[in-house]
Amino acid sequence: MKRLEIISEKLTGAIGTPISIVIHTFLFVGIFALKFIGYTIDDILLILTTVVSLEAIYLSIFIQMAVNKTTKSLAGVERDIDDIQEDVEDLGDDVKEISDDYIEEEQDDDEVISAIKDIENRLEKLHKDVIKMNKKNGS
């Protein structure tokens, strides 16, 4: 099963290349060239229709496989973003608690308070960025 997945991934990647366009062009010209070796136009169109129909079926399968793989990948990214968002929220809460503790204890160390406020602002901005990324990914 794993070997089949590897082969299908390689085929999916190869189908979307310029060489694929060249190969398809030669195949279609070759099908019409059957006229020169005695096939009727009806036979040629039947062959062409059959080949194109089969190809469309396989292409739709390859496309669905790529969509499924992308969906799994995005689900992983979404979980990572959720984890990061939770961590940022926890850090923001911790920084706010530390900041509040310093203010409650009326520390005169303005530099420490300023640094903590700066960290808190940065964490809030990071939190907003994570939320934007989450919305962008459709969560």
N, C-alpha and C. Protein backbone atom coordinates (compact mmCIF):
# COMPACT_ATOMS: atom_id res chain seq x y z
N MET A 1 0.84 -1.20 0.00
CA MET A 1 0.00 0.00 0.00
C MET A 1 0.87 1.25 0.00
N LYS A 2 1.94 1.23 0.77
CA LYS A 2 2.84 2.39 0.84
C LYS A 2 3.48 2.64 -0.53
N ARG A 3 3.84 1.55 -1.22
CA ARG A 3 4.45 1.68 -2.55
C ARG A 3 3.47 2.34 -3.52
N LEU A 4 2.20 1.96 -3.44
CA LEU A 4 1.18 2.54 -4.29
C LEU A 4 1.03 4.04 -4.02
N GLU A 5 1.10 4.42 -2.75
CA GLU A 5 1.01 5.85 -2.40
C GLU A 5 2.19 6.62 -2.98
N ILE A 6 3.38 6.05 -2.89
CA ILE A 6 4.57 6.71 -3.43
C ILE A 6 4.44 6.90 -4.94
N ILE A 7 4.00 5.84 -5.62
CA ILE A 7 3.84 5.92 -7.08
C ILE A 7 2.79 6.97 -7.44
N SER A 8 1.67 6.98 -6.72
CA SER A 8 0.61 7.95 -7.04
C SER A 8 1.05 9.37 -6.76
N GLU A 9 1.86 9.58 -5.69
CA GLU A 9 2.37 10.93 -5.42
C GLU A 9 3.31 11.40 -6.53
N LYS A 10 4.14 10.49 -7.02
CA LYS A 10 5.05 10.85 -8.12
C LYS A 10 4.26 11.16 -9.39
N LEU A 11 3.23 10.36 -9.66
CA LEU A 11 2.40 10.62 -10.84
C LEU A 11 1.67 11.96 -10.71
N THR A 12 1.15 12.23 -9.52
CA THR A 12 0.44 13.49 -9.29
C THR A 12 1.37 14.68 -9.54
N GLY A 13 2.61 14.55 -9.06
CA GLY A 13 3.59 15.62 -9.28
C GLY A 13 3.97 15.76 -10.74
N ALA A 14 4.06 14.63 -11.45
CA ALA A 14 4.48 14.66 -12.85
C ALA A 14 3.39 15.20 -13.78
N ILE A 15 2.14 15.00 -13.40
CA ILE A 15 1.04 15.42 -14.28
C ILE A 15 1.00 16.94 -14.43
N GLY A 16 1.37 17.65 -13.41
CA GLY A 16 1.30 19.11 -13.45
C GLY A 16 2.56 19.77 -13.96
N THR A 17 3.27 19.16 -14.90
CA THR A 17 4.52 19.71 -15.40
C THR A 17 4.43 20.02 -16.89
N PRO A 18 5.33 20.86 -17.40
CA PRO A 18 5.34 21.15 -18.84
C PRO A 18 5.59 19.90 -19.70
N ILE A 19 6.37 18.96 -19.20
CA ILE A 19 6.63 17.75 -19.98
C ILE A 19 5.34 16.96 -20.18
N SER A 20 4.43 17.05 -19.19
CA SER A 20 3.13 16.38 -19.31
C SER A 20 2.33 16.97 -20.47
N ILE A 21 2.41 18.27 -20.65
CA ILE A 21 1.72 18.92 -21.77
C ILE A 21 2.28 18.40 -23.09
N VAL A 22 3.59 18.29 -23.17
CA VAL A 22 4.22 17.81 -24.40
C VAL A 22 3.80 16.37 -24.69
N ILE A 23 3.83 15.51 -23.67
CA ILE A 23 3.44 14.11 -23.85
C ILE A 23 1.99 14.00 -24.30
N HIS A 24 1.10 14.75 -23.66
CA HIS A 24 -0.31 14.72 -24.05
C HIS A 24 -0.51 15.21 -25.48
N THR A 25 0.22 16.24 -25.85
CA THR A 25 0.11 16.75 -27.22
C THR A 25 0.50 15.67 -28.22
N PHE A 26 1.62 14.97 -27.97
CA PHE A 26 2.05 13.90 -28.87
C PHE A 26 1.03 12.75 -28.89
N LEU A 27 0.47 12.42 -27.75
CA LEU A 27 -0.53 11.35 -27.70
C LEU A 27 -1.76 11.71 -28.54
N PHE A 28 -2.24 12.94 -28.39
CA PHE A 28 -3.42 13.34 -29.15
C PHE A 28 -3.13 13.42 -30.64
N VAL A 29 -1.97 13.94 -30.99
CA VAL A 29 -1.58 13.97 -32.41
C VAL A 29 -1.47 12.54 -32.93
N GLY A 30 -0.89 11.66 -32.09
CA GLY A 30 -0.75 10.25 -32.48
C GLY A 30 -2.09 9.58 -32.71
N ILE A 31 -3.07 9.90 -31.86
CA ILE A 31 -4.40 9.32 -32.05
C ILE A 31 -5.00 9.78 -33.37
N PHE A 32 -4.85 11.05 -33.69
CA PHE A 32 -5.38 11.54 -34.97
C PHE A 32 -4.57 11.01 -36.15
N ALA A 33 -3.31 10.69 -35.92
CA ALA A 33 -2.47 10.13 -36.98
C ALA A 33 -2.90 8.72 -37.35
N LEU A 34 -3.71 8.10 -36.53
CA LEU A 34 -4.24 6.77 -36.86
C LEU A 34 -5.00 6.78 -38.19
N LYS A 35 -5.46 7.95 -38.59
CA LYS A 35 -6.17 8.11 -39.87
C LYS A 35 -5.27 7.67 -41.03
N PHE A 36 -3.96 7.91 -40.90
CA PHE A 36 -3.02 7.60 -41.97
C PHE A 36 -2.72 6.10 -42.08
N ILE A 37 -3.07 5.33 -41.05
CA ILE A 37 -2.81 3.89 -41.14
C ILE A 37 -4.11 3.10 -41.29
N GLY A 38 -5.19 3.79 -41.67
CA GLY A 38 -6.40 3.09 -42.05
C GLY A 38 -7.58 3.15 -41.10
N TYR A 39 -7.45 3.80 -39.97
CA TYR A 39 -8.59 3.90 -39.06
C TYR A 39 -9.57 4.94 -39.59
N THR A 40 -10.86 4.69 -39.35
CA THR A 40 -11.87 5.67 -39.76
C THR A 40 -11.94 6.77 -38.70
N ILE A 41 -12.53 7.88 -39.10
CA ILE A 41 -12.66 8.99 -38.16
C ILE A 41 -13.55 8.59 -36.98
N ASP A 42 -14.55 7.74 -37.23
CA ASP A 42 -15.40 7.25 -36.13
C ASP A 42 -14.60 6.43 -35.13
N ASP A 43 -13.70 5.56 -35.63
CA ASP A 43 -12.86 4.76 -34.73
C ASP A 43 -11.91 5.66 -33.94
N ILE A 44 -11.35 6.66 -34.61
CA ILE A 44 -10.42 7.58 -33.95
C ILE A 44 -11.14 8.35 -32.84
N LEU A 45 -12.33 8.85 -33.14
CA LEU A 45 -13.08 9.59 -32.13
C LEU A 45 -13.50 8.70 -30.97
N LEU A 46 -13.83 7.43 -31.25
CA LEU A 46 -14.17 6.49 -30.19
C LEU A 46 -12.95 6.25 -29.29
N ILE A 47 -11.79 6.04 -29.90
CA ILE A 47 -10.55 5.84 -29.13
C ILE A 47 -10.25 7.09 -28.30
N LEU A 48 -10.33 8.25 -28.95
CA LEU A 48 -10.02 9.51 -28.27
C LEU A 48 -10.97 9.74 -27.09
N THR A 49 -12.26 9.52 -27.31
CA THR A 49 -13.24 9.71 -26.24
C THR A 49 -12.97 8.77 -25.08
N THR A 50 -12.66 7.53 -25.38
CA THR A 50 -12.38 6.55 -24.33
C THR A 50 -11.14 6.93 -23.54
N VAL A 51 -10.07 7.30 -24.24
CA VAL A 51 -8.82 7.68 -23.58
C VAL A 51 -9.02 8.92 -22.71
N VAL A 52 -9.70 9.91 -23.24
CA VAL A 52 -9.91 11.15 -22.49
C VAL A 52 -10.80 10.90 -21.27
N SER A 53 -11.80 10.05 -21.40
CA SER A 53 -12.67 9.73 -20.27
C SER A 53 -11.90 9.01 -19.17
N LEU A 54 -11.09 8.03 -19.55
CA LEU A 54 -10.29 7.32 -18.55
C LEU A 54 -9.29 8.26 -17.89
N GLU A 55 -8.69 9.12 -18.68
CA GLU A 55 -7.73 10.06 -18.12
C GLU A 55 -8.41 11.01 -17.13
N ALA A 56 -9.62 11.46 -17.46
CA ALA A 56 -10.35 12.36 -16.57
C ALA A 56 -10.66 11.68 -15.24
N ILE A 57 -11.00 10.40 -15.29
CA ILE A 57 -11.27 9.66 -14.06
C ILE A 57 -10.01 9.61 -13.19
N TYR A 58 -8.89 9.24 -13.81
CA TYR A 58 -7.66 9.15 -13.03
C TYR A 58 -7.19 10.52 -12.52
N LEU A 59 -7.35 11.55 -13.33
CA LEU A 59 -6.97 12.88 -12.88
C LEU A 59 -7.80 13.32 -11.68
N SER A 60 -9.09 13.01 -11.71
CA SER A 60 -9.93 13.40 -10.57
C SER A 60 -9.52 12.63 -9.31
N ILE A 61 -9.10 11.38 -9.47
CA ILE A 61 -8.62 10.61 -8.32
C ILE A 61 -7.33 11.23 -7.78
N PHE A 62 -6.41 11.60 -8.67
CA PHE A 62 -5.15 12.22 -8.24
C PHE A 62 -5.40 13.55 -7.55
N ILE A 63 -6.33 14.31 -8.08
CA ILE A 63 -6.66 15.61 -7.47
C ILE A 63 -7.23 15.39 -6.08
N GLN A 64 -8.12 14.42 -5.94
CA GLN A 64 -8.71 14.15 -4.62
C GLN A 64 -7.65 13.68 -3.63
N MET A 65 -6.70 12.89 -4.11
CA MET A 65 -5.61 12.45 -3.23
C MET A 65 -4.78 13.64 -2.74
N ALA A 66 -4.51 14.58 -3.65
CA ALA A 66 -3.75 15.77 -3.27
C ALA A 66 -4.54 16.62 -2.27
N VAL A 67 -5.85 16.73 -2.48
CA VAL A 67 -6.70 17.49 -1.55
C VAL A 67 -6.70 16.83 -0.18
N ASN A 68 -6.82 15.50 -0.16
CA ASN A 68 -6.80 14.78 1.13
C ASN A 68 -5.49 14.99 1.86
N LYS A 69 -4.38 14.92 1.14
CA LYS A 69 -3.07 15.10 1.75
C LYS A 69 -2.93 16.53 2.30
N THR A 70 -3.38 17.51 1.54
CA THR A 70 -3.32 18.91 1.97
C THR A 70 -4.20 19.13 3.20
N THR A 71 -5.37 18.51 3.21
CA THR A 71 -6.28 18.64 4.35
C THR A 71 -5.64 18.10 5.62
N LYS A 72 -4.98 16.93 5.52
CA LYS A 72 -4.30 16.36 6.68
C LYS A 72 -3.19 17.29 7.16
N SER A 73 -2.46 17.85 6.22
CA SER A 73 -1.37 18.75 6.56
C SER A 73 -1.90 20.00 7.26
N LEU A 74 -2.98 20.57 6.74
CA LEU A 74 -3.57 21.76 7.36
C LEU A 74 -4.12 21.46 8.75
N ALA A 75 -4.64 20.25 8.93
CA ALA A 75 -5.15 19.88 10.26
C ALA A 75 -4.00 19.87 11.26
N GLY A 76 -2.83 19.40 10.84
CA GLY A 76 -1.66 19.41 11.72
C GLY A 76 -1.23 20.82 12.06
N VAL A 77 -1.24 21.69 11.06
CA VAL A 77 -0.87 23.09 11.27
C VAL A 77 -1.88 23.75 12.21
N GLU A 78 -3.14 23.43 12.03
CA GLU A 78 -4.18 24.01 12.88
C GLU A 78 -3.98 23.61 14.34
N ARG A 79 -3.64 22.32 14.56
CA ARG A 79 -3.37 21.87 15.93
C ARG A 79 -2.18 22.62 16.52
N ASP A 80 -1.14 22.81 15.71
CA ASP A 80 0.04 23.53 16.18
C ASP A 80 -0.31 24.97 16.54
N ILE A 81 -1.13 25.61 15.71
CA ILE A 81 -1.53 26.99 15.98
C ILE A 81 -2.34 27.06 17.26
N ASP A 82 -3.24 26.09 17.45
CA ASP A 82 -4.03 26.07 18.68
C ASP A 82 -3.13 25.93 19.90
N ASP A 83 -2.14 25.04 19.81
CA ASP A 83 -1.19 24.86 20.92
C ASP A 83 -0.42 26.15 21.20
N ILE A 84 0.04 26.79 20.14
CA ILE A 84 0.79 28.05 20.30
C ILE A 84 -0.12 29.11 20.92
N GLN A 85 -1.35 29.16 20.46
CA GLN A 85 -2.29 30.15 20.99
C GLN A 85 -2.51 29.93 22.48
N GLU A 86 -2.66 28.69 22.89
CA GLU A 86 -2.83 28.40 24.32
C GLU A 86 -1.59 28.82 25.11
N ASP A 87 -0.41 28.51 24.56
CA ASP A 87 0.83 28.89 25.23
C ASP A 87 0.95 30.40 25.36
N VAL A 88 0.59 31.11 24.30
CA VAL A 88 0.66 32.58 24.33
C VAL A 88 -0.31 33.13 25.36
N GLU A 89 -1.51 32.56 25.41
CA GLU A 89 -2.48 33.01 26.40
C GLU A 89 -1.96 32.78 27.82
N ASP A 90 -1.37 31.60 28.04
CA ASP A 90 -0.81 31.30 29.36
C ASP A 90 0.32 32.27 29.71
N LEU A 91 1.20 32.52 28.74
CA LEU A 91 2.29 33.45 28.98
C LEU A 91 1.76 34.86 29.26
N GLY A 92 0.76 35.25 28.49
CA GLY A 92 0.15 36.56 28.71
C GLY A 92 -0.43 36.69 30.10
N ASP A 93 -1.11 35.62 30.54
CA ASP A 93 -1.67 35.63 31.90
C ASP A 93 -0.56 35.72 32.95
N ASP A 94 0.51 34.94 32.73
CA ASP A 94 1.64 34.95 33.68
C ASP A 94 2.28 36.34 33.75
N VAL A 95 2.49 36.94 32.60
CA VAL A 95 3.12 38.27 32.57
C VAL A 95 2.20 39.28 33.24
N LYS A 96 0.91 39.16 32.99
CA LYS A 96 -0.04 40.09 33.62
C LYS A 96 -0.01 39.93 35.13
N GLU A 97 0.05 38.67 35.61
CA GLU A 97 0.13 38.44 37.05
C GLU A 97 1.40 39.04 37.64
N ILE A 98 2.52 38.84 36.96
CA ILE A 98 3.79 39.40 37.44
C ILE A 98 3.71 40.92 37.46
N SER A 99 3.16 41.47 36.41
CA SER A 99 3.03 42.92 36.31
C SER A 99 2.14 43.45 37.43
N ASP A 100 1.02 42.77 37.64
CA ASP A 100 0.10 43.19 38.71
C ASP A 100 0.76 43.07 40.08
N ASP A 101 1.55 42.01 40.30
CA ASP A 101 2.26 41.82 41.57
C ASP A 101 3.21 42.99 41.83
N TYR A 102 3.93 43.40 40.79
CA TYR A 102 4.87 44.51 40.97
C TYR A 102 4.12 45.79 41.27
N ILE A 103 3.02 45.99 40.58
CA ILE A 103 2.26 47.22 40.80
C ILE A 103 1.63 47.21 42.20
N GLU A 104 1.10 46.03 42.61
CA GLU A 104 0.49 45.93 43.93
C GLU A 104 1.51 46.17 45.03
N GLU A 105 2.72 45.68 44.84
CA GLU A 105 3.75 45.85 45.85
C GLU A 105 4.39 47.22 45.77
N GLU A 106 3.91 48.05 44.85
CA GLU A 106 4.37 49.42 44.66
C GLU A 106 5.88 49.49 44.55
N GLN A 107 6.41 48.67 43.68
CA GLN A 107 7.84 48.70 43.42
C GLN A 107 8.18 49.99 42.67
N ASP A 108 9.26 50.59 43.05
CA ASP A 108 9.68 51.81 42.38
C ASP A 108 10.58 51.55 41.19
N ASP A 109 10.82 50.30 40.91
CA ASP A 109 11.72 49.96 39.82
C ASP A 109 10.97 50.11 38.49
N ASP A 110 10.97 51.33 37.98
CA ASP A 110 10.23 51.64 36.76
C ASP A 110 10.72 50.83 35.56
N GLU A 111 11.99 50.52 35.53
CA GLU A 111 12.52 49.75 34.40
C GLU A 111 11.93 48.35 34.34
N VAL A 112 11.78 47.70 35.48
CA VAL A 112 11.21 46.36 35.52
C VAL A 112 9.76 46.40 35.08
N ILE A 113 9.02 47.36 35.60
CA ILE A 113 7.61 47.48 35.23
C ILE A 113 7.49 47.79 33.74
N SER A 114 8.32 48.68 33.25
CA SER A 114 8.30 49.02 31.83
C SER A 114 8.62 47.81 30.97
N ALA A 115 9.62 47.02 31.39
CA ALA A 115 9.99 45.82 30.63
C ALA A 115 8.86 44.81 30.62
N ILE A 116 8.22 44.65 31.78
CA ILE A 116 7.11 43.71 31.87
C ILE A 116 5.94 44.17 31.02
N LYS A 117 5.65 45.44 31.05
CA LYS A 117 4.57 45.98 30.21
C LYS A 117 4.89 45.76 28.73
N ASP A 118 6.16 45.97 28.37
CA ASP A 118 6.59 45.75 26.98
C ASP A 118 6.39 44.29 26.59
N ILE A 119 6.77 43.38 27.47
CA ILE A 119 6.59 41.95 27.21
C ILE A 119 5.11 41.63 27.07
N GLU A 120 4.32 42.19 27.95
CA GLU A 120 2.87 41.95 27.90
C GLU A 120 2.29 42.44 26.57
N ASN A 121 2.70 43.63 26.14
CA ASN A 121 2.21 44.17 24.86
C ASN A 121 2.63 43.29 23.69
N ARG A 122 3.86 42.83 23.73
CA ARG A 122 4.33 41.96 22.66
C ARG A 122 3.58 40.63 22.63
N LEU A 123 3.30 40.09 23.81
CA LEU A 123 2.55 38.83 23.87
C LEU A 123 1.12 39.03 23.38
N GLU A 124 0.52 40.15 23.71
CA GLU A 124 -0.83 40.42 23.22
C GLU A 124 -0.82 40.54 21.70
N LYS A 125 0.20 41.20 21.15
CA LYS A 125 0.32 41.30 19.69
C LYS A 125 0.52 39.92 19.07
N LEU A 126 1.35 39.10 19.69
CA LEU A 126 1.58 37.74 19.20
C LEU A 126 0.30 36.94 19.26
N HIS A 127 -0.45 37.12 20.33
CA HIS A 127 -1.73 36.43 20.47
C HIS A 127 -2.69 36.83 19.34
N LYS A 128 -2.76 38.11 19.05
CA LYS A 128 -3.61 38.59 17.96
C LYS A 128 -3.15 38.02 16.62
N ASP A 129 -1.84 37.95 16.40
CA ASP A 129 -1.31 37.38 15.17
C ASP A 129 -1.67 35.91 15.03
N VAL A 130 -1.62 35.18 16.13
CA VAL A 130 -1.99 33.76 16.11
C VAL A 130 -3.46 33.61 15.77
N ILE A 131 -4.30 34.49 16.34
CA ILE A 131 -5.73 34.44 16.05
C ILE A 131 -5.96 34.72 14.56
N LYS A 132 -5.25 35.69 14.00
CA LYS A 132 -5.39 36.00 12.57
C LYS A 132 -4.97 34.79 11.72
N MET A 133 -3.87 34.14 12.11
CA MET A 133 -3.41 32.96 11.37
C MET A 133 -4.44 31.85 11.47
N ASN A 134 -5.03 31.72 12.63
CA ASN A 134 -6.03 30.69 12.84
C ASN A 134 -7.24 30.93 11.93
N LYS A 135 -7.67 32.21 11.86
CA LYS A 135 -8.81 32.55 11.00
C LYS A 135 -8.45 32.36 9.54
N LYS A 136 -7.22 32.68 9.17
CA LYS A 136 -6.76 32.53 7.79
C LYS A 136 -6.80 31.07 7.36
N ASN A 137 -6.51 30.16 8.29
CA ASN A 137 -6.48 28.73 7.98
C ASN A 137 -7.85 28.10 8.10
N GLY A 138 -8.88 28.91 8.36
CA GLY A 138 -10.24 28.42 8.35
C GLY A 138 -10.72 27.80 9.65
N SER A 139 -10.07 28.10 10.74
CA SER A 139 -10.51 27.51 12.01
C SER A 139 -11.62 28.30 12.62
